[in-house]
Amino acid sequence: MHTQDELVLLAKLLDTSPERFGRSSEMTLIAKFGGGMSEVANVDQQFFRRYLALTESQRRMVRDVVGEFKSAGVV
């Protein structure tokens, strides 16, 4: 049995959609995080695009807020 990552990669190599192999189109981007491959949902991709459109000071503020959530054990 193939992993979901393998199926998505196969779909990309064959220039077809992951649905052909039983995978939802909601997760389309494969990214390398922390030494492993991860899927990034469309909604998160949109968030990253919006984040990257912020000014540097706005990005710093977002990073600080996320850091505070992590420190407080919220995430």
Protein backbone atom coordinates (compact mmCIF):
# COMPACT_ATOMS: atom_id res chain seq x y z
CA MET A 1 0.00 0.00 0.00
CA HIS A 2 1.36 3.40 -0.97
CA THR A 3 1.48 6.35 1.41
CA GLN A 4 -0.51 9.49 0.65
CA ASP A 5 2.74 11.37 -0.01
CA GLU A 6 3.72 8.82 -2.63
CA LEU A 7 0.32 9.05 -4.30
CA VAL A 8 0.42 12.84 -4.46
CA LEU A 9 3.98 12.75 -5.81
CA LEU A 10 2.94 10.18 -8.43
CA ALA A 11 0.04 12.39 -9.49
CA LYS A 12 2.43 15.34 -9.89
CA LEU A 13 4.88 13.26 -11.93
CA LEU A 14 2.06 12.05 -14.19
CA ASP A 15 0.65 15.57 -14.45
CA THR A 16 -2.74 14.46 -13.19
CA SER A 17 -4.83 15.11 -10.10
CA PRO A 18 -4.41 13.23 -6.82
CA GLU A 19 -8.13 12.37 -6.92
CA ARG A 20 -7.32 9.84 -9.62
CA PHE A 21 -5.56 7.84 -6.92
CA GLY A 22 -8.17 8.43 -4.25
CA ARG A 23 -6.63 11.56 -2.74
CA SER A 24 -8.58 14.73 -1.98
CA SER A 25 -7.67 17.83 -3.94
CA GLU A 26 -7.85 19.86 -0.70
CA MET A 27 -4.21 18.95 -0.05
CA THR A 28 -2.14 19.73 -3.11
CA LEU A 29 1.22 21.18 -2.14
CA ILE A 30 4.00 19.00 -0.81
CA ALA A 31 6.59 20.86 1.23
CA LYS A 32 9.65 19.81 3.19
CA PHE A 33 9.37 20.70 6.89
CA GLY A 34 11.68 19.44 9.59
CA GLY A 35 13.26 16.74 7.46
CA GLY A 36 9.96 15.24 6.29
CA MET A 37 7.51 15.88 3.53
CA SER A 38 4.17 17.44 4.50
CA GLU A 39 1.01 18.32 2.64
CA VAL A 40 -0.18 21.91 2.83
CA ALA A 41 -3.93 22.47 2.46
CA ASN A 42 -5.18 25.10 0.03
CA VAL A 43 -6.45 27.24 2.91
CA ASP A 44 -2.96 27.24 4.46
CA GLN A 45 -1.38 28.07 1.11
CA GLN A 46 -3.68 31.09 0.92
CA PHE A 47 -2.63 32.07 4.45
CA PHE A 48 1.06 31.86 3.46
CA ARG A 49 0.46 34.08 0.41
CA ARG A 50 -1.30 36.66 2.58
CA TYR A 51 1.43 36.43 5.21
CA LEU A 52 4.14 37.00 2.59
CA ALA A 53 2.27 40.09 1.34
CA LEU A 54 2.59 41.72 4.79
CA THR A 55 5.30 44.22 5.61
CA GLU A 56 8.28 42.96 7.58
CA SER A 57 7.01 44.59 10.79
CA GLN A 58 3.58 42.98 10.31
CA ARG A 59 5.21 39.58 9.77
CA ARG A 60 7.23 40.05 12.95
CA MET A 61 4.02 40.79 14.84
CA VAL A 62 2.36 37.63 13.48
CA ARG A 63 5.43 35.56 14.43
CA ASP A 64 5.38 37.08 17.92
CA VAL A 65 1.69 36.22 18.37
CA VAL A 66 2.25 32.63 17.23
CA GLY A 67 5.27 32.42 19.54
CA GLU A 68 3.17 33.58 22.47
CA PHE A 69 0.50 31.00 21.69
CA LYS A 70 3.18 28.31 21.60
CA SER A 71 4.76 29.53 24.86
CA ALA A 72 1.39 29.53 26.58
CA GLY A 73 0.70 25.99 25.41
CA VAL A 74 -2.24 27.06 23.25
CA VAL A 75 -0.83 25.30 20.17
